[in-house]
Amino acid sequence: QGEDVLTGAAEVKLDLAPGTVQFQKERKSKKSTPRKNNSSLYEILKELRRRIAGMRGVPLYAVLTNADLEQLSEKRPLTAEEAVKLPGIGERKAKRILPPFLEAIRQFNESER
């Protein structure tokens, strides 16, 4: 019987009582986009992450996640001490990965003046 269904020689019919099947509501995407005033900085940080990941030969998320980039573009920490207070940024990541990102944030802040 199973082979007949797989080859299309037979059909499967389900006889369900009314009300036994519940459909899930369509979920809204949890992907958040950075606020408009931070989107330029977010894009700069994304490009920097892409270059660093390429040089190291690792996936983008191994450098920083999108959520990390969003936090950085929103809070704009200027030191590793400020950055470790953000969710997802630990001391190790702050020391090994963040220096070029902190410099990019500094330069972005200066360009806005």
PDB file of N, CA and C in Angstrom:
ATOM      1  N   GLN A   1       0.820  -1.201   0.000  1.00  0.00           N
ATOM      2  CA  GLN A   1       0.000   0.000   0.000  1.00  0.00           C
ATOM      3  C   GLN A   1       0.861   1.263   0.000  1.00  0.00           C
ATOM      4  N   GLY A   2       1.888   1.307   0.823  1.00  0.00           N
ATOM      5  CA  GLY A   2       2.743   2.481   0.898  1.00  0.00           C
ATOM      6  C   GLY A   2       3.422   2.774  -0.426  1.00  0.00           C
ATOM      7  N   GLU A   3       3.856   1.710  -1.102  1.00  0.00           N
ATOM      8  CA  GLU A   3       4.522   1.893  -2.389  1.00  0.00           C
ATOM      9  C   GLU A   3       3.548   2.451  -3.419  1.00  0.00           C
ATOM     10  N   ASP A   4       2.292   2.027  -3.348  1.00  0.00           N
ATOM     11  CA  ASP A   4       1.276   2.536  -4.273  1.00  0.00           C
ATOM     12  C   ASP A   4       1.067   4.040  -4.055  1.00  0.00           C
ATOM     13  N   VAL A   5       1.087   4.458  -2.816  1.00  0.00           N
ATOM     14  CA  VAL A   5       0.914   5.876  -2.508  1.00  0.00           C
ATOM     15  C   VAL A   5       2.111   6.659  -3.036  1.00  0.00           C
ATOM     16  N   LEU A   6       3.306   6.139  -2.823  1.00  0.00           N
ATOM     17  CA  LEU A   6       4.513   6.825  -3.259  1.00  0.00           C
ATOM     18  C   LEU A   6       4.605   6.932  -4.773  1.00  0.00           C
ATOM     19  N   THR A   7       4.146   5.927  -5.472  1.00  0.00           N
ATOM     20  CA  THR A   7       4.221   5.948  -6.932  1.00  0.00           C
ATOM     21  C   THR A   7       3.029   6.654  -7.562  1.00  0.00           C
ATOM     22  N   GLY A   8       2.021   6.992  -6.736  1.00  0.00           N
ATOM     23  CA  GLY A   8       0.855   7.701  -7.256  1.00  0.00           C
ATOM     24  C   GLY A   8      -0.249   6.784  -7.716  1.00  0.00           C
ATOM     25  N   ALA A   9      -0.084   5.484  -7.507  1.00  0.00           N
ATOM     26  CA  ALA A   9      -1.109   4.529  -7.922  1.00  0.00           C
ATOM     27  C   ALA A   9      -2.293   4.525  -6.956  1.00  0.00           C
ATOM     28  N   ALA A  10      -2.083   5.021  -5.746  1.00  0.00           N
ATOM     29  CA  ALA A  10      -3.164   5.084  -4.761  1.00  0.00           C
ATOM     30  C   ALA A  10      -3.100   6.422  -4.039  1.00  0.00           C
ATOM     31  N   GLU A  11      -4.246   6.824  -3.496  1.00  0.00           N
ATOM     32  CA  GLU A  11      -4.319   8.081  -2.752  1.00  0.00           C
ATOM     33  C   GLU A  11      -4.553   7.798  -1.283  1.00  0.00           C
ATOM     34  N   VAL A  12      -4.128   8.726  -0.455  1.00  0.00           N
ATOM     35  CA  VAL A  12      -4.393   8.636   0.973  1.00  0.00           C
ATOM     36  C   VAL A  12      -5.521   9.597   1.276  1.00  0.00           C
ATOM     37  N   LYS A  13      -6.540   9.108   1.965  1.00  0.00           N
ATOM     38  CA  LYS A  13      -7.650   9.965   2.359  1.00  0.00           C
ATOM     39  C   LYS A  13      -7.760   9.933   3.876  1.00  0.00           C
ATOM     40  N   LEU A  14      -7.878  11.107   4.439  1.00  0.00           N
ATOM     41  CA  LEU A  14      -8.044  11.219   5.880  1.00  0.00           C
ATOM     42  C   LEU A  14      -9.482  11.590   6.186  1.00  0.00           C
ATOM     43  N   ASP A  15     -10.074  10.877   7.102  1.00  0.00           N
ATOM     44  CA  ASP A  15     -11.436  11.179   7.514  1.00  0.00           C
ATOM     45  C   ASP A  15     -11.352  11.774   8.914  1.00  0.00           C
ATOM     46  N   LEU A  16     -11.402  13.102   8.971  1.00  0.00           N
ATOM     47  CA  LEU A  16     -11.268  13.785  10.249  1.00  0.00           C
ATOM     48  C   LEU A  16     -12.596  14.372  10.678  1.00  0.00           C
ATOM     49  N   ALA A  17     -12.869  14.230  11.946  1.00  0.00           N
ATOM     50  CA  ALA A  17     -14.086  14.826  12.493  1.00  0.00           C
ATOM     51  C   ALA A  17     -13.927  16.339  12.506  1.00  0.00           C
ATOM     52  N   PRO A  18     -15.012  17.072  12.257  1.00  0.00           N
ATOM     53  CA  PRO A  18     -14.929  18.532  12.269  1.00  0.00           C
ATOM     54  C   PRO A  18     -14.388  19.046  13.611  1.00  0.00           C
ATOM     55  N   GLY A  19     -13.508  20.015  13.529  1.00  0.00           N
ATOM     56  CA  GLY A  19     -12.961  20.627  14.740  1.00  0.00           C
ATOM     57  C   GLY A  19     -11.748  19.917  15.313  1.00  0.00           C
ATOM     58  N   THR A  20     -11.319  18.821  14.681  1.00  0.00           N
ATOM     59  CA  THR A  20     -10.158  18.100  15.221  1.00  0.00           C
ATOM     60  C   THR A  20      -8.837  18.639  14.699  1.00  0.00           C
ATOM     61  N   VAL A  21      -8.897  19.417  13.654  1.00  0.00           N
ATOM     62  CA  VAL A  21      -7.671  19.974  13.098  1.00  0.00           C
ATOM     63  C   VAL A  21      -7.645  21.466  13.404  1.00  0.00           C
ATOM     64  N   GLN A  22      -6.569  21.901  14.003  1.00  0.00           N
ATOM     65  CA  GLN A  22      -6.415  23.321  14.294  1.00  0.00           C
ATOM     66  C   GLN A  22      -5.256  23.850  13.471  1.00  0.00           C
ATOM     67  N   PHE A  23      -5.462  24.987  12.880  1.00  0.00           N
ATOM     68  CA  PHE A  23      -4.424  25.605  12.084  1.00  0.00           C
ATOM     69  C   PHE A  23      -3.746  26.682  12.904  1.00  0.00           C
ATOM     70  N   GLN A  24      -2.432  26.745  12.791  1.00  0.00           N
ATOM     71  CA  GLN A  24      -1.696  27.789  13.496  1.00  0.00           C
ATOM     72  C   GLN A  24      -1.862  29.102  12.763  1.00  0.00           C
ATOM     73  N   LYS A  25      -1.953  30.157  13.539  1.00  0.00           N
ATOM     74  CA  LYS A  25      -1.998  31.475  12.938  1.00  0.00           C
ATOM     75  C   LYS A  25      -0.645  31.753  12.302  1.00  0.00           C
ATOM     76  N   GLU A  26      -0.667  32.510  11.239  1.00  0.00           N
ATOM     77  CA  GLU A  26       0.581  32.876  10.591  1.00  0.00           C
ATOM     78  C   GLU A  26       1.365  33.775  11.526  1.00  0.00           C
ATOM     79  N   ARG A  27       2.599  33.411  11.749  1.00  0.00           N
ATOM     80  CA  ARG A  27       3.442  34.191  12.650  1.00  0.00           C
ATOM     81  C   ARG A  27       4.079  35.351  11.910  1.00  0.00           C
ATOM     82  N   LYS A  28       4.188  36.433  12.623  1.00  0.00           N
ATOM     83  CA  LYS A  28       4.937  37.549  12.072  1.00  0.00           C
ATOM     84  C   LYS A  28       6.410  37.238  12.235  1.00  0.00           C
ATOM     85  N   SER A  29       7.174  37.662  11.304  1.00  0.00           N
ATOM     86  CA  SER A  29       8.611  37.430  11.363  1.00  0.00           C
ATOM     87  C   SER A  29       9.196  38.126  12.581  1.00  0.00           C
ATOM     88  N   LYS A  30      10.076  37.427  13.281  1.00  0.00           N
ATOM     89  CA  LYS A  30      10.728  38.031  14.431  1.00  0.00           C
ATOM     90  C   LYS A  30      11.955  38.824  14.023  1.00  0.00           C
ATOM     91  N   LYS A  31      12.283  38.769  12.734  1.00  0.00           N
ATOM     92  CA  LYS A  31      13.431  39.538  12.281  1.00  0.00           C
ATOM     93  C   LYS A  31      13.136  41.009  12.491  1.00  0.00           C
ATOM     94  N   SER A  32      14.000  41.643  13.191  1.00  0.00           N
ATOM     95  CA  SER A  32      13.803  43.064  13.392  1.00  0.00           C
ATOM     96  C   SER A  32      14.779  43.813  12.510  1.00  0.00           C
ATOM     97  N   THR A  33      14.364  44.964  12.130  1.00  0.00           N
ATOM     98  CA  THR A  33      15.265  45.797  11.358  1.00  0.00           C
ATOM     99  C   THR A  33      15.681  46.952  12.232  1.00  0.00           C
ATOM    100  N   PRO A  34      16.890  47.388  12.095  1.00  0.00           N
ATOM    101  CA  PRO A  34      17.332  48.492  12.934  1.00  0.00           C
ATOM    102  C   PRO A  34      16.504  49.739  12.659  1.00  0.00           C
ATOM    103  N   ARG A  35      16.367  50.560  13.662  1.00  0.00           N
ATOM    104  CA  ARG A  35      15.632  51.809  13.488  1.00  0.00           C
ATOM    105  C   ARG A  35      16.291  52.633  12.396  1.00  0.00           C
ATOM    106  N   LYS A  36      15.485  53.441  11.748  1.00  0.00           N
ATOM    107  CA  LYS A  36      15.979  54.194  10.592  1.00  0.00           C
ATOM    108  C   LYS A  36      17.232  55.001  10.897  1.00  0.00           C
ATOM    109  N   ASN A  37      17.274  55.643  12.051  1.00  0.00           N
ATOM    110  CA  ASN A  37      18.430  56.486  12.340  1.00  0.00           C
ATOM    111  C   ASN A  37      19.692  55.670  12.600  1.00  0.00           C
ATOM    112  N   ASN A  38      19.569  54.378  12.791  1.00  0.00           N
ATOM    113  CA  ASN A  38      20.728  53.525  13.015  1.00  0.00           C
ATOM    114  C   ASN A  38      21.047  52.657  11.802  1.00  0.00           C
ATOM    115  N   SER A  39      20.230  52.733  10.750  1.00  0.00           N
ATOM    116  CA  SER A  39      20.406  51.801   9.638  1.00  0.00           C
ATOM    117  C   SER A  39      21.716  52.015   8.890  1.00  0.00           C
ATOM    118  N   SER A  40      22.190  53.248   8.777  1.00  0.00           N
ATOM    119  CA  SER A  40      23.467  53.478   8.096  1.00  0.00           C
ATOM    120  C   SER A  40      24.608  52.839   8.868  1.00  0.00           C
ATOM    121  N   LEU A  41      24.624  53.038  10.159  1.00  0.00           N
ATOM    122  CA  LEU A  41      25.659  52.426  10.990  1.00  0.00           C
ATOM    123  C   LEU A  41      25.541  50.909  10.938  1.00  0.00           C
ATOM    124  N   TYR A  42      24.338  50.398  10.986  1.00  0.00           N
ATOM    125  CA  TYR A  42      24.113  48.958  10.914  1.00  0.00           C
ATOM    126  C   TYR A  42      24.706  48.397   9.620  1.00  0.00           C
ATOM    127  N   GLU A  43      24.487  49.070   8.514  1.00  0.00           N
ATOM    128  CA  GLU A  43      25.020  48.617   7.231  1.00  0.00           C
ATOM    129  C   GLU A  43      26.549  48.666   7.219  1.00  0.00           C
ATOM    130  N   ILE A  44      27.126  49.680   7.823  1.00  0.00           N
ATOM    131  CA  ILE A  44      28.586  49.780   7.922  1.00  0.00           C
ATOM    132  C   ILE A  44      29.129  48.611   8.735  1.00  0.00           C
ATOM    133  N   LEU A  45      28.480  48.314   9.858  1.00  0.00           N
ATOM    134  CA  LEU A  45      28.929  47.208  10.714  1.00  0.00           C
ATOM    135  C   LEU A  45      28.749  45.864  10.009  1.00  0.00           C
ATOM    136  N   LYS A  46      27.664  45.718   9.243  1.00  0.00           N
ATOM    137  CA  LYS A  46      27.457  44.483   8.482  1.00  0.00           C
ATOM    138  C   LYS A  46      28.570  44.268   7.468  1.00  0.00           C
ATOM    139  N   GLU A  47      28.945  45.330   6.762  1.00  0.00           N
ATOM    140  CA  GLU A  47      30.020  45.232   5.769  1.00  0.00           C
ATOM    141  C   GLU A  47      31.342  44.897   6.439  1.00  0.00           C
ATOM    142  N   LEU A  48      31.616  45.499   7.565  1.00  0.00           N
ATOM    143  CA  LEU A  48      32.837  45.208   8.314  1.00  0.00           C
ATOM    144  C   LEU A  48      32.851  43.742   8.745  1.00  0.00           C
ATOM    145  N   ARG A  49      31.717  43.256   9.232  1.00  0.00           N
ATOM    146  CA  ARG A  49      31.614  41.849   9.633  1.00  0.00           C
ATOM    147  C   ARG A  49      31.866  40.933   8.449  1.00  0.00           C
ATOM    148  N   ARG A  50      31.320  41.295   7.286  1.00  0.00           N
ATOM    149  CA  ARG A  50      31.513  40.475   6.083  1.00  0.00           C
ATOM    150  C   ARG A  50      32.993  40.381   5.720  1.00  0.00           C
ATOM    151  N   ARG A  51      33.687  41.518   5.780  1.00  0.00           N
ATOM    152  CA  ARG A  51      35.120  41.519   5.447  1.00  0.00           C
ATOM    153  C   ARG A  51      35.923  40.691   6.449  1.00  0.00           C
ATOM    154  N   ILE A  52      35.633  40.851   7.723  1.00  0.00           N
ATOM    155  CA  ILE A  52      36.364  40.101   8.762  1.00  0.00           C
ATOM    156  C   ILE A  52      36.099  38.609   8.613  1.00  0.00           C
ATOM    157  N   ALA A  53      34.850  38.231   8.401  1.00  0.00           N
ATOM    158  CA  ALA A  53      34.510  36.812   8.221  1.00  0.00           C
ATOM    159  C   ALA A  53      35.225  36.246   7.002  1.00  0.00           C
ATOM    160  N   GLY A  54      35.295  37.023   5.933  1.00  0.00           N
ATOM    161  CA  GLY A  54      35.994  36.571   4.732  1.00  0.00           C
ATOM    162  C   GLY A  54      37.476  36.364   4.971  1.00  0.00           C
ATOM    163  N   MET A  55      38.090  37.300   5.699  1.00  0.00           N
ATOM    164  CA  MET A  55      39.526  37.168   5.995  1.00  0.00           C
ATOM    165  C   MET A  55      39.798  35.964   6.888  1.00  0.00           C
ATOM    166  N   ARG A  56      38.909  35.682   7.798  1.00  0.00           N
ATOM    167  CA  ARG A  56      39.100  34.559   8.724  1.00  0.00           C
ATOM    168  C   ARG A  56      38.586  33.242   8.167  1.00  0.00           C
ATOM    169  N   GLY A  57      37.797  33.313   7.101  1.00  0.00           N
ATOM    170  CA  GLY A  57      37.228  32.101   6.518  1.00  0.00           C
ATOM    171  C   GLY A  57      36.175  31.455   7.401  1.00  0.00           C
ATOM    172  N   VAL A  58      35.385  32.288   8.069  1.00  0.00           N
ATOM    173  CA  VAL A  58      34.339  31.785   8.956  1.00  0.00           C
ATOM    174  C   VAL A  58      32.992  32.359   8.529  1.00  0.00           C
ATOM    175  N   PRO A  59      31.893  31.732   8.961  1.00  0.00           N
ATOM    176  CA  PRO A  59      30.578  32.296   8.638  1.00  0.00           C
ATOM    177  C   PRO A  59      30.370  33.633   9.351  1.00  0.00           C
ATOM    178  N   LEU A  60      29.486  34.453   8.815  1.00  0.00           N
ATOM    179  CA  LEU A  60      29.226  35.780   9.379  1.00  0.00           C
ATOM    180  C   LEU A  60      28.869  35.720  10.861  1.00  0.00           C
ATOM    181  N   TYR A  61      27.988  34.775  11.218  1.00  0.00           N
ATOM    182  CA  TYR A  61      27.535  34.701  12.606  1.00  0.00           C
ATOM    183  C   TYR A  61      28.655  34.333  13.576  1.00  0.00           C
ATOM    184  N   ALA A  62      29.742  33.763  13.060  1.00  0.00           N
ATOM    185  CA  ALA A  62      30.869  33.426  13.937  1.00  0.00           C
ATOM    186  C   ALA A  62      31.628  34.679  14.354  1.00  0.00           C
ATOM    187  N   VAL A  63      31.473  35.737  13.592  1.00  0.00           N
ATOM    188  CA  VAL A  63      32.084  37.015  13.958  1.00  0.00           C
ATOM    189  C   VAL A  63      31.145  37.723  14.917  1.00  0.00           C
ATOM    190  N   LEU A  64      29.997  38.126  14.439  1.00  0.00           N
ATOM    191  CA  LEU A  64      28.944  38.726  15.264  1.00  0.00           C
ATOM    192  C   LEU A  64      27.605  38.372  14.626  1.00  0.00           C
ATOM    193  N   THR A  65      26.585  38.195  15.445  1.00  0.00           N
ATOM    194  CA  THR A  65      25.250  37.910  14.918  1.00  0.00           C
ATOM    195  C   THR A  65      24.570  39.206  14.491  1.00  0.00           C
ATOM    196  N   ASN A  66      23.490  39.065  13.736  1.00  0.00           N
ATOM    197  CA  ASN A  66      22.707  40.251  13.367  1.00  0.00           C
ATOM    198  C   ASN A  66      22.213  40.976  14.608  1.00  0.00           C
ATOM    199  N   ALA A  67      21.811  40.218  15.618  1.00  0.00           N
ATOM    200  CA  ALA A  67      21.337  40.827  16.865  1.00  0.00           C
ATOM    201  C   ALA A  67      22.460  41.624  17.529  1.00  0.00           C
ATOM    202  N   ASP A  68      23.680  41.085  17.483  1.00  0.00           N
ATOM    203  CA  ASP A  68      24.828  41.826  18.037  1.00  0.00           C
ATOM    204  C   ASP A  68      25.014  43.146  17.297  1.00  0.00           C
ATOM    205  N   LEU A  69      24.933  43.088  15.965  1.00  0.00           N
ATOM    206  CA  LEU A  69      25.101  44.298  15.156  1.00  0.00           C
ATOM    207  C   LEU A  69      24.001  45.317  15.455  1.00  0.00           C
ATOM    208  N   GLU A  70      22.791  44.829  15.654  1.00  0.00           N
ATOM    209  CA  GLU A  70      21.686  45.726  15.985  1.00  0.00           C
ATOM    210  C   GLU A  70      21.945  46.423  17.320  1.00  0.00           C
ATOM    211  N   GLN A  71      22.407  45.651  18.306  1.00  0.00           N
ATOM    212  CA  GLN A  71      22.718  46.231  19.619  1.00  0.00           C
ATOM    213  C   GLN A  71      23.815  47.283  19.496  1.00  0.00           C
ATOM    214  N   LEU A  72      24.841  46.947  18.744  1.00  0.00           N
ATOM    215  CA  LEU A  72      25.954  47.887  18.573  1.00  0.00           C
ATOM    216  C   LEU A  72      25.501  49.159  17.866  1.00  0.00           C
ATOM    217  N   SER A  73      24.665  49.014  16.838  1.00  0.00           N
ATOM    218  CA  SER A  73      24.239  50.206  16.101  1.00  0.00           C
ATOM    219  C   SER A  73      23.259  51.047  16.905  1.00  0.00           C
ATOM    220  N   GLU A  74      22.526  50.423  17.790  1.00  0.00           N
ATOM    221  CA  GLU A  74      21.567  51.175  18.602  1.00  0.00           C
ATOM    222  C   GLU A  74      22.242  51.843  19.806  1.00  0.00           C
ATOM    223  N   LYS A  75      23.055  51.085  20.529  1.00  0.00           N
ATOM    224  CA  LYS A  75      23.666  51.595  21.769  1.00  0.00           C
ATOM    225  C   LYS A  75      24.961  52.362  21.529  1.00  0.00           C
ATOM    226  N   ARG A  76      25.654  52.037  20.451  1.00  0.00           N
ATOM    227  CA  ARG A  76      26.902  52.705  20.060  1.00  0.00           C
ATOM    228  C   ARG A  76      27.955  52.761  21.176  1.00  0.00           C
ATOM    229  N   PRO A  77      28.338  51.605  21.698  1.00  0.00           N
ATOM    230  CA  PRO A  77      29.392  51.622  22.718  1.00  0.00           C
ATOM    231  C   PRO A  77      30.715  52.070  22.103  1.00  0.00           C
ATOM    232  N   LEU A  78      31.515  52.735  22.900  1.00  0.00           N
ATOM    233  CA  LEU A  78      32.816  53.210  22.408  1.00  0.00           C
ATOM    234  C   LEU A  78      33.981  52.458  23.050  1.00  0.00           C
ATOM    235  N   THR A  79      33.690  51.677  24.074  1.00  0.00           N
ATOM    236  CA  THR A  79      34.738  50.909  24.743  1.00  0.00           C
ATOM    237  C   THR A  79      34.266  49.464  24.909  1.00  0.00           C
ATOM    238  N   ALA A  80      35.225  48.584  25.118  1.00  0.00           N
ATOM    239  CA  ALA A  80      34.894  47.181  25.359  1.00  0.00           C
ATOM    240  C   ALA A  80      34.084  47.041  26.645  1.00  0.00           C
ATOM    241  N   GLU A  81      34.375  47.892  27.624  1.00  0.00           N
ATOM    242  CA  GLU A  81      33.650  47.839  28.901  1.00  0.00           C
ATOM    243  C   GLU A  81      32.167  48.153  28.702  1.00  0.00           C
ATOM    244  N   GLU A  82      31.876  49.109  27.831  1.00  0.00           N
ATOM    245  CA  GLU A  82      30.485  49.436  27.528  1.00  0.00           C
ATOM    246  C   GLU A  82      29.835  48.306  26.726  1.00  0.00           C
ATOM    247  N   ALA A  83      30.592  47.720  25.825  1.00  0.00           N
ATOM    248  CA  ALA A  83      30.049  46.690  24.935  1.00  0.00           C
ATOM    249  C   ALA A  83      29.673  45.413  25.679  1.00  0.00           C
ATOM    250  N   VAL A  84      30.442  45.031  26.684  1.00  0.00           N
ATOM    251  CA  VAL A  84      30.135  43.778  27.393  1.00  0.00           C
ATOM    252  C   VAL A  84      28.830  43.864  28.177  1.00  0.00           C
ATOM    253  N   LYS A  85      28.306  45.040  28.339  1.00  0.00           N
ATOM    254  CA  LYS A  85      27.015  45.200  29.015  1.00  0.00           C
ATOM    255  C   LYS A  85      25.854  44.854  28.088  1.00  0.00           C
ATOM    256  N   LEU A  86      26.125  44.732  26.798  1.00  0.00           N
ATOM    257  CA  LEU A  86      25.091  44.409  25.815  1.00  0.00           C
ATOM    258  C   LEU A  86      24.863  42.905  25.768  1.00  0.00           C
ATOM    259  N   PRO A  87      23.616  42.489  25.541  1.00  0.00           N
ATOM    260  CA  PRO A  87      23.347  41.050  25.409  1.00  0.00           C
ATOM    261  C   PRO A  87      24.125  40.461  24.234  1.00  0.00           C
ATOM    262  N   GLY A  88      24.710  39.300  24.431  1.00  0.00           N
ATOM    263  CA  GLY A  88      25.423  38.613  23.359  1.00  0.00           C
ATOM    264  C   GLY A  88      26.887  38.982  23.219  1.00  0.00           C
ATOM    265  N   ILE A  89      27.348  39.982  23.957  1.00  0.00           N
ATOM    266  CA  ILE A  89      28.752  40.388  23.873  1.00  0.00           C
ATOM    267  C   ILE A  89      29.434  40.049  25.193  1.00  0.00           C
ATOM    268  N   GLY A  90      30.304  39.076  25.147  1.00  0.00           N
ATOM    269  CA  GLY A  90      31.062  38.706  26.329  1.00  0.00           C
ATOM    270  C   GLY A  90      32.442  39.335  26.295  1.00  0.00           C
ATOM    271  N   GLU A  91      33.187  39.137  27.356  1.00  0.00           N
ATOM    272  CA  GLU A  91      34.525  39.741  27.439  1.00  0.00           C
ATOM    273  C   GLU A  91      35.455  39.223  26.357  1.00  0.00           C
ATOM    274  N   ARG A  92      35.380  37.945  26.073  1.00  0.00           N
ATOM    275  CA  ARG A  92      36.252  37.363  25.045  1.00  0.00           C
ATOM    276  C   ARG A  92      35.972  37.983  23.680  1.00  0.00           C
ATOM    277  N   LYS A  93      34.688  38.054  23.339  1.00  0.00           N
ATOM    278  CA  LYS A  93      34.302  38.648  22.053  1.00  0.00           C
ATOM    279  C   LYS A  93      34.690  40.125  22.020  1.00  0.00           C
ATOM    280  N   ALA A  94      34.523  40.793  23.138  1.00  0.00           N
ATOM    281  CA  ALA A  94      34.847  42.219  23.207  1.00  0.00           C
ATOM    282  C   ALA A  94      36.333  42.457  22.957  1.00  0.00           C
ATOM    283  N   LYS A  95      37.165  41.576  23.462  1.00  0.00           N
ATOM    284  CA  LYS A  95      38.612  41.746  23.303  1.00  0.00           C
ATOM    285  C   LYS A  95      39.108  41.299  21.934  1.00  0.00           C
ATOM    286  N   ARG A  96      38.563  40.191  21.425  1.00  0.00           N
ATOM    287  CA  ARG A  96      39.088  39.606  20.198  1.00  0.00           C
ATOM    288  C   ARG A  96      38.464  40.162  18.922  1.00  0.00           C
ATOM    289  N   ILE A  97      37.196  40.523  18.985  1.00  0.00           N
ATOM    290  CA  ILE A  97      36.477  40.850  17.758  1.00  0.00           C
ATOM    291  C   ILE A  97      36.063  42.311  17.674  1.00  0.00           C
ATOM    292  N   LEU A  98      35.739  42.917  18.791  1.00  0.00           N
ATOM    293  CA  LEU A  98      35.120  44.241  18.760  1.00  0.00           C
ATOM    294  C   LEU A  98      35.993  45.441  18.403  1.00  0.00           C
ATOM    295  N   PRO A  99      37.293  45.443  18.608  1.00  0.00           N
ATOM    296  CA  PRO A  99      38.049  46.673  18.342  1.00  0.00           C
ATOM    297  C   PRO A  99      37.751  47.340  16.994  1.00  0.00           C
ATOM    298  N   PRO A 100      37.730  46.633  15.864  1.00  0.00           N
ATOM    299  CA  PRO A 100      37.430  47.338  14.613  1.00  0.00           C
ATOM    300  C   PRO A 100      35.987  47.865  14.568  1.00  0.00           C
ATOM    301  N   PHE A 101      35.071  47.185  15.232  1.00  0.00           N
ATOM    302  CA  PHE A 101      33.684  47.635  15.262  1.00  0.00           C
ATOM    303  C   PHE A 101      33.552  48.895  16.115  1.00  0.00           C
ATOM    304  N   LEU A 102      34.266  48.931  17.233  1.00  0.00           N
ATOM    305  CA  LEU A 102      34.234  50.119  18.084  1.00  0.00           C
ATOM    306  C   LEU A 102      34.839  51.320  17.347  1.00  0.00           C
ATOM    307  N   GLU A 103      35.886  51.071  16.581  1.00  0.00           N
ATOM    308  CA  GLU A 103      36.491  52.144  15.790  1.00  0.00           C
ATOM    309  C   GLU A 103      35.514  52.637  14.722  1.00  0.00           C
ATOM    310  N   ALA A 104      34.798  51.733  14.104  1.00  0.00           N
ATOM    311  CA  ALA A 104      33.811  52.120  13.092  1.00  0.00           C
ATOM    312  C   ALA A 104      32.695  52.958  13.731  1.00  0.00           C
ATOM    313  N   ILE A 105      32.293  52.599  14.929  1.00  0.00           N
ATOM    314  CA  ILE A 105      31.268  53.374  15.638  1.00  0.00           C
ATOM    315  C   ILE A 105      31.798  54.771  15.957  1.00  0.00           C
ATOM    316  N   ARG A 106      33.046  54.845  16.423  1.00  0.00           N
ATOM    317  CA  ARG A 106      33.652  56.160  16.716  1.00  0.00           C
ATOM    318  C   ARG A 106      33.663  57.045  15.473  1.00  0.00           C
ATOM    319  N   GLN A 107      34.136  56.476  14.357  1.00  0.00           N
ATOM    320  CA  GLN A 107      34.199  57.245  13.114  1.00  0.00           C
ATOM    321  C   GLN A 107      32.803  57.666  12.647  1.00  0.00           C
ATOM    322  N   PHE A 108      31.831  56.780  12.809  1.00  0.00           N
ATOM    323  CA  PHE A 108      30.463  57.118  12.415  1.00  0.00           C
ATOM    324  C   PHE A 108      29.928  58.263  13.266  1.00  0.00           C
ATOM    325  N   ASN A 109      30.163  58.190  14.581  1.00  0.00           N
ATOM    326  CA  ASN A 109      29.702  59.255  15.472  1.00  0.00           C
ATOM    327  C   ASN A 109      30.337  60.599  15.094  1.00  0.00           C
ATOM    328  N   GLU A 110      31.626  60.576  14.767  1.00  0.00           N
ATOM    329  CA  GLU A 110      32.311  61.814  14.379  1.00  0.00           C
ATOM    330  C   GLU A 110      31.762  62.372  13.067  1.00  0.00           C
ATOM    331  N   SER A 111      31.396  61.508  12.158  1.00  0.00           N
ATOM    332  CA  SER A 111      30.882  61.964  10.863  1.00  0.00           C
ATOM    333  C   SER A 111      29.492  62.596  11.007  1.00  0.00           C
ATOM    334  N   GLU A 112      28.780  62.252  12.078  1.00  0.00           N
ATOM    335  CA  GLU A 112      27.451  62.812  12.294  1.00  0.00           C
ATOM    336  C   GLU A 112      27.488  64.211  12.888  1.00  0.00           C
ATOM    337  N   ARG A 113      28.631  64.641  13.400  1.00  0.00           N
ATOM    338  CA  ARG A 113      28.733  65.959  14.055  1.00  0.00           C
ATOM    339  C   ARG A 113      28.774  67.059  13.062  1.00  0.00           C
TER     340      ARG A 113
END
